[in-house]
Structures are given as C-alpha cells and as structure tokens.
Amino acid sequence: MPELPEVETCRRALTPLLMGRSLTAAEAIWPNAAVTPLAVAGRRIVRLDRRGKFLLMRLDRGWLVVHLRMTGRLVVAREPPARTTVAFGLDSGDWFCLVDLRKFGRAWLVARASEVVGHLGPEPLSRAFTAARFGAMLAPRKARLKPLLLDQRFLAGLGNIYVDESLHVARIHPLRTAASLSVGEVRLLHRHIRRILRAAIAAGGTTVQDFVDPDGAPGRFRDRLQVFRRTGEPCYRCGTAIERSVVAQRGTHSCPRCQRL
C-alpha cells in the first residue's frame, strides 16, 4: 500500500499538472470506487494537499479526496489507461485517472476534507509533532508499538514499510509496549521516523511491488531499506539474519540482535 512518502511523491508530481485546471467531467468506471457522487464539472482545482495517505484536492467548491489503498496509482493522460477505475476530465483535454489493478482505491467529493480525514492522528512531519508530543501520546498506551504505529488514528501516514524501518534504526523491538519506552528511546524513534520519511520522499518513495509515480517512475528508496522484505539477509549493522514474524496480521521484519525484546 502506498504510504505517506508515496502519496507525497504523487502530490508533488501532480501539482504542476493539475493546479488551476477546471474539471469537466467524472466517470466512475468501477462504481464502487466513487464513495460519493462525483459531480465535479465546472469546479476548479485550487491546490493539492496531503493528509496521511490521502491526496486532497482543494476545489473552488469543496474537496476531492483520493485514497490509493493497495495498488492504486494516479496518472494524467490523453485517454484513460487500462484498469482505470475513476477518471476526471480536465479543461486541457487530458484525463486525471485513478488506475487500480485490485480496485480498492476510493474517491470522495465532499464539502469539507474533514468529512473523510477528520479521524486521522497527527502528521509525523508537521512542526506540531514534536518528540515531547510523541512521548505524551505513547506514555498512557499499553499497546504494542507495531500495531499502534500502524493505526492511522494514532499517527497518520505510516504503514508496514516505514514502521519496520523506523523501529529497526531506533533499535526498538516491534512488540515493545508504547508505555515502556524511555525518554531517550522516544526521542530516537521520533527522530528516525521523520528522517526516514523525508529520505523516502526525496527518493520518490519505495517500490516493492506496484507503486510508480504519475510519470511512471518507481520509487528509489527500495535500495535503502534496512529490514523490510530482507528476510534471511544479514543485518547491515551486526550481520545477524533479518527475521520475519507476524504482528497484528502484518508481516514484520526485524533484527533479533539489534532489536531485543
């Protein structure tokens, strides 16, 4: 599933192509992809934002919100490509399309973005997300770290890739409870979450299987992954074989030596 860096990569690539354009039509080729009626004709795209894993398009009237789910990708093309589930006509004659092999991606047209994203937790790259705030969020929680960090209501935008990577670099086991972290561990995890997300954005995201940006380019952060999808390979820090376990029904990758429970 595309996570924060992949959606931010899409936002940056799409902004010069879409900002200021007027929408002329919407076609829900796969009806389930349109959560709400998409009556966008005549509305102008004012700006593109992101909230967690959601792409937000501010219109002169309302918001168009898109979530890529598992295999969705966004393209601007002269004609809707194969496997397009939702297509939006532009006054340039092009189409802005959600292309989705598994058809899980969704689109909403709403008066306020909060109708779709109001449940999300803090943005990990925002100025407001300080180490002190992170510590205050973790301190009362008895939940295991891996499922807690995956919970979009707790912290927006992290998924399996960047949770595994952040915990590994911070040398914290994914089954540690949130409340068990020391002040130093909280600061370390906070720093590495932000650093890894920024590095992944700079690299255009991570392509493990399906993700490509709107220009068709894969994410380059795949070559910098420390543990994710490296089961059995040596840890770059200590040489111990990376292990895969299942935590909260999600494949989880860690080093048994660097990340002791």
Protein backbone atom coordinates (compact mmCIF):
# COMPACT_ATOMS: atom_id res chain seq x y z
CA MET A 1 0.00 0.00 0.00
CA PRO A 2 1.34 3.46 -0.83
CA GLU A 3 2.28 5.22 2.39
CA LEU A 4 2.99 8.86 3.24
CA PRO A 5 6.13 9.23 1.06
CA GLU A 6 4.47 7.67 -1.98
CA VAL A 7 1.37 9.87 -1.72
CA GLU A 8 3.53 12.95 -1.16
CA THR A 9 5.54 11.99 -4.25
CA CYS A 10 2.30 11.87 -6.24
CA ARG A 11 1.15 15.21 -4.85
CA ARG A 12 4.37 16.93 -5.87
CA ALA A 13 4.31 15.42 -9.36
CA LEU A 14 0.64 16.23 -9.95
CA THR A 15 0.64 19.80 -8.64
CA PRO A 16 2.06 21.45 -11.79
CA LEU A 17 -0.23 19.33 -13.98
CA LEU A 18 -3.48 19.95 -12.12
CA MET A 19 -3.36 23.18 -10.15
CA GLY A 20 -5.56 25.83 -11.74
CA ARG A 21 -7.24 23.36 -14.08
CA SER A 22 -11.02 23.06 -14.27
CA LEU A 23 -12.75 19.71 -14.08
CA THR A 24 -15.15 18.98 -16.93
CA ALA A 25 -16.48 15.52 -16.08
CA ALA A 26 -16.13 12.47 -13.87
CA GLU A 27 -16.58 8.85 -14.88
CA ALA A 28 -16.76 6.12 -12.23
CA ILE A 29 -15.79 3.23 -14.49
CA TRP A 30 -15.75 1.00 -11.42
CA PRO A 31 -18.79 2.30 -9.47
CA ASN A 32 -17.54 1.19 -6.05
CA ALA A 33 -14.53 3.48 -6.43
CA ALA A 34 -16.79 6.54 -6.05
CA VAL A 35 -17.80 6.68 -2.40
CA THR A 36 -19.89 9.81 -3.07
CA PRO A 37 -21.41 11.24 -6.26
CA LEU A 38 -18.59 12.95 -8.16
CA ALA A 39 -20.39 16.00 -9.57
CA VAL A 40 -17.19 17.94 -10.27
CA ALA A 41 -17.98 19.56 -13.65
CA GLY A 42 -17.19 23.27 -13.59
CA ARG A 43 -15.11 23.17 -10.43
CA ARG A 44 -11.52 24.42 -10.45
CA ILE A 45 -8.56 22.81 -8.69
CA VAL A 46 -7.08 25.40 -6.32
CA ARG A 47 -4.30 23.34 -4.73
CA LEU A 48 -3.18 19.82 -3.88
CA ASP A 49 -2.59 18.76 -0.28
CA ARG A 50 -1.94 15.51 1.52
CA ARG A 51 -3.20 14.16 4.85
CA GLY A 52 -1.64 10.89 5.91
CA LYS A 53 -2.11 8.52 2.96
CA PHE A 54 -4.91 10.62 1.41
CA LEU A 55 -4.46 13.00 -1.53
CA LEU A 56 -6.59 16.12 -1.04
CA MET A 57 -7.56 18.37 -3.94
CA ARG A 58 -8.91 21.73 -2.80
CA LEU A 59 -11.53 22.88 -5.29
CA ASP A 60 -13.11 26.30 -5.55
CA ARG A 61 -16.17 24.49 -4.18
CA GLY A 62 -15.43 21.57 -1.92
CA TRP A 63 -12.72 18.92 -1.82
CA LEU A 64 -11.89 15.92 -3.99
CA VAL A 65 -10.22 13.25 -1.85
CA VAL A 66 -8.46 10.13 -3.16
CA HIS A 67 -7.03 7.11 -1.34
CA LEU A 68 -4.89 4.67 -3.34
CA ARG A 69 -5.41 1.70 -0.98
CA MET A 70 -3.33 -1.32 -2.09
CA THR A 71 -2.44 -0.91 -5.76
CA GLY A 72 -3.85 2.42 -6.91
CA ARG A 73 -1.79 4.92 -8.88
CA LEU A 74 -2.56 8.35 -10.31
CA VAL A 75 -1.88 9.47 -13.86
CA VAL A 76 -2.68 12.33 -16.20
CA ALA A 77 -3.16 11.08 -19.76
CA ARG A 78 -4.83 11.92 -23.05
CA GLU A 79 -7.12 8.91 -22.62
CA PRO A 80 -7.91 6.84 -19.50
CA PRO A 81 -5.46 3.91 -19.38
CA ALA A 82 -6.48 0.29 -18.95
CA ARG A 83 -7.63 -0.56 -15.41
CA THR A 84 -8.80 2.99 -14.72
CA THR A 85 -11.50 2.95 -12.04
CA VAL A 86 -12.27 6.69 -11.88
CA ALA A 87 -11.45 9.34 -14.49
CA PHE A 88 -11.79 13.12 -14.23
CA GLY A 89 -11.88 15.23 -17.38
CA LEU A 90 -9.72 18.37 -17.42
CA ASP A 91 -10.17 21.56 -19.43
CA SER A 92 -6.81 20.80 -21.08
CA GLY A 93 -8.38 17.79 -22.78
CA ASP A 94 -6.44 15.36 -20.57
CA TRP A 95 -7.83 12.94 -18.00
CA PHE A 96 -6.79 12.66 -14.38
CA CYS A 97 -7.19 8.96 -13.56
CA LEU A 98 -7.12 6.55 -10.66
CA VAL A 99 -5.68 3.37 -12.16
CA ASP A 100 -6.12 0.39 -9.87
CA LEU A 101 -5.50 -3.27 -10.62
CA ARG A 102 -7.26 -4.54 -7.48
CA LYS A 103 -9.96 -1.84 -7.49
CA PHE A 104 -9.64 -0.94 -3.81
CA GLY A 105 -8.84 2.77 -4.34
CA ARG A 106 -11.56 5.26 -3.49
CA ALA A 107 -12.60 8.85 -4.33
CA TRP A 108 -14.86 11.28 -2.47
CA LEU A 109 -16.31 14.70 -3.30
CA VAL A 110 -17.10 16.47 -0.03
CA ALA A 111 -17.76 19.95 1.28
CA ARG A 112 -15.02 19.64 3.91
CA ALA A 113 -11.95 17.43 3.83
CA SER A 114 -12.51 16.59 7.49
CA GLU A 115 -15.52 14.51 6.46
CA VAL A 116 -13.02 11.94 5.16
CA VAL A 117 -9.78 12.59 7.05
CA GLY A 118 -11.01 14.05 10.33
CA HIS A 119 -10.28 10.80 12.18
CA LEU A 120 -6.56 10.84 11.43
CA GLY A 121 -3.85 11.34 14.01
CA PRO A 122 -1.02 13.89 13.78
CA GLU A 123 1.13 14.36 10.70
CA PRO A 124 4.58 12.94 11.55
CA LEU A 125 6.39 15.62 9.51
CA SER A 126 4.47 18.57 10.92
CA ARG A 127 6.09 21.09 13.25
CA ALA A 128 3.47 20.29 15.85
CA PHE A 129 4.62 16.66 16.02
CA THR A 130 7.46 17.15 18.49
CA ALA A 131 9.28 14.50 20.49
CA ALA A 132 7.51 15.78 23.60
CA ARG A 133 4.12 15.39 21.98
CA PHE A 134 5.04 11.92 20.72
CA GLY A 135 6.09 10.94 24.23
CA ALA A 136 2.81 12.19 25.65
CA MET A 137 0.92 10.15 23.06
CA LEU A 138 2.87 6.98 23.86
CA ALA A 139 3.04 7.22 27.65
CA PRO A 140 -0.53 6.11 28.51
CA ARG A 141 -0.70 3.40 25.85
CA LYS A 142 -0.20 -0.26 26.72
CA ALA A 143 -0.47 -1.35 23.08
CA ARG A 144 2.39 -2.98 21.19
CA LEU A 145 4.36 -0.48 19.12
CA LYS A 146 3.95 -2.04 15.68
CA PRO A 147 0.12 -2.10 15.59
CA LEU A 148 -0.07 1.26 17.37
CA LEU A 149 2.16 2.99 14.81
CA LEU A 150 0.10 1.43 12.02
CA ASP A 151 -3.10 2.86 13.50
CA GLN A 152 -3.94 5.91 11.38
CA ARG A 153 -5.98 7.37 14.23
CA PHE A 154 -2.81 7.45 16.33
CA LEU A 155 -0.32 8.72 13.73
CA ALA A 156 -1.17 9.41 10.10
CA GLY A 157 0.73 8.09 7.11
CA LEU A 158 2.91 5.27 8.40
CA GLY A 159 2.46 1.78 7.00
CA ASN A 160 4.30 -1.52 7.14
CA ILE A 161 7.43 -0.34 5.33
CA TYR A 162 8.24 2.75 7.35
CA VAL A 163 7.18 1.35 10.72
CA ASP A 164 9.56 -1.60 10.29
CA GLU A 165 12.35 0.66 9.08
CA SER A 166 11.94 3.25 11.83
CA LEU A 167 11.81 0.69 14.64
CA HIS A 168 14.89 -1.06 13.30
CA VAL A 169 17.04 2.05 13.01
CA ALA A 170 15.94 3.09 16.51
CA ARG A 171 16.81 -0.44 17.77
CA ILE A 172 13.34 -0.98 19.24
CA HIS A 173 11.51 -4.31 19.04
CA PRO A 174 8.09 -4.09 17.34
CA LEU A 175 6.43 -5.92 20.26
CA ARG A 176 7.57 -3.45 22.90
CA THR A 177 4.68 -1.66 24.55
CA ALA A 178 4.38 2.04 23.90
CA ALA A 179 4.50 2.95 27.58
CA SER A 180 7.75 1.00 28.09
CA LEU A 181 9.87 3.39 26.02
CA SER A 182 12.33 5.60 27.85
CA VAL A 183 12.53 9.32 27.11
CA GLY A 184 15.68 8.65 25.09
CA GLU A 185 14.01 5.91 23.06
CA VAL A 186 11.04 8.16 22.32
CA ARG A 187 13.35 10.89 21.05
CA LEU A 188 15.30 8.41 18.95
CA LEU A 189 12.20 6.87 17.39
CA HIS A 190 10.70 10.30 16.73
CA ARG A 191 13.89 11.46 15.01
CA HIS A 192 14.18 8.37 12.84
CA ILE A 193 10.51 8.33 11.80
CA ARG A 194 10.90 11.87 10.49
CA ARG A 195 14.32 11.29 8.95
CA ILE A 196 13.27 8.12 7.13
CA LEU A 197 10.06 9.67 5.80
CA ARG A 198 11.98 12.69 4.47
CA ALA A 199 14.61 10.46 2.86
CA ALA A 200 11.92 8.31 1.24
CA ILE A 201 10.16 11.39 -0.15
CA ALA A 202 13.46 12.64 -1.57
CA ALA A 203 13.89 9.25 -3.26
CA GLY A 204 10.41 9.28 -4.77
CA GLY A 205 9.04 6.70 -2.37
CA THR A 206 9.53 2.95 -2.19
CA THR A 207 8.53 0.49 -4.89
CA VAL A 208 8.26 -3.02 -3.51
CA GLN A 209 5.70 -4.29 -6.00
CA ASP A 210 3.26 -1.92 -7.72
CA PHE A 211 3.96 1.72 -6.88
CA VAL A 212 5.04 4.12 -9.61
CA ASP A 213 4.71 7.89 -9.59
CA PRO A 214 2.47 9.79 -12.07
CA ASP A 215 5.35 9.79 -14.58
CA GLY A 216 5.66 6.00 -14.34
CA ALA A 217 8.91 6.04 -12.35
CA PRO A 218 9.40 3.59 -9.46
CA GLY A 219 10.44 4.77 -6.01
CA ARG A 220 14.18 4.61 -5.38
CA PHE A 221 14.09 4.14 -1.60
CA ARG A 222 13.81 0.37 -2.12
CA ASP A 223 17.60 0.19 -2.35
CA ARG A 224 17.97 1.82 1.07
CA LEU A 225 15.68 -0.46 3.07
CA GLN A 226 17.39 -1.94 6.12
CA VAL A 227 14.96 -4.72 7.07
CA PHE A 228 11.71 -4.61 5.10
CA ARG A 229 11.44 -7.60 2.74
CA ARG A 230 15.02 -8.65 3.62
CA THR A 231 14.14 -11.88 5.46
CA GLY A 232 17.21 -14.08 5.93
CA GLU A 233 19.63 -11.44 4.68
CA PRO A 234 22.31 -10.06 7.02
CA CYS A 235 21.60 -7.00 9.12
CA TYR A 236 23.73 -4.14 7.81
CA ARG A 237 24.65 -3.22 11.39
CA CYS A 238 25.54 -6.55 13.03
CA GLY A 239 25.35 -9.25 10.36
CA THR A 240 22.56 -11.25 12.04
CA ALA A 241 19.92 -12.65 9.68
CA ILE A 242 16.81 -10.49 9.44
CA GLU A 243 13.73 -12.30 10.76
CA ARG A 244 10.13 -12.12 9.63
CA SER A 245 7.26 -12.51 12.07
CA VAL A 246 3.56 -11.72 12.03
CA VAL A 247 2.38 -8.87 14.24
CA ALA A 248 -1.26 -7.77 14.11
CA GLN A 249 -1.67 -9.88 10.95
CA ARG A 250 1.10 -7.95 9.21
CA GLY A 251 4.45 -9.28 8.03
CA THR A 252 7.06 -7.69 10.30
CA HIS A 253 10.80 -7.52 9.73
CA SER A 254 13.40 -7.00 12.44
CA CYS A 255 16.90 -7.90 13.58
CA PRO A 256 16.83 -10.23 16.61
CA ARG A 257 20.14 -8.88 17.87
CA CYS A 258 19.72 -5.13 17.34
CA GLN A 259 16.06 -5.13 18.39
CA ARG A 260 15.87 -7.20 21.55
CA LEU A 261 12.56 -7.66 23.32
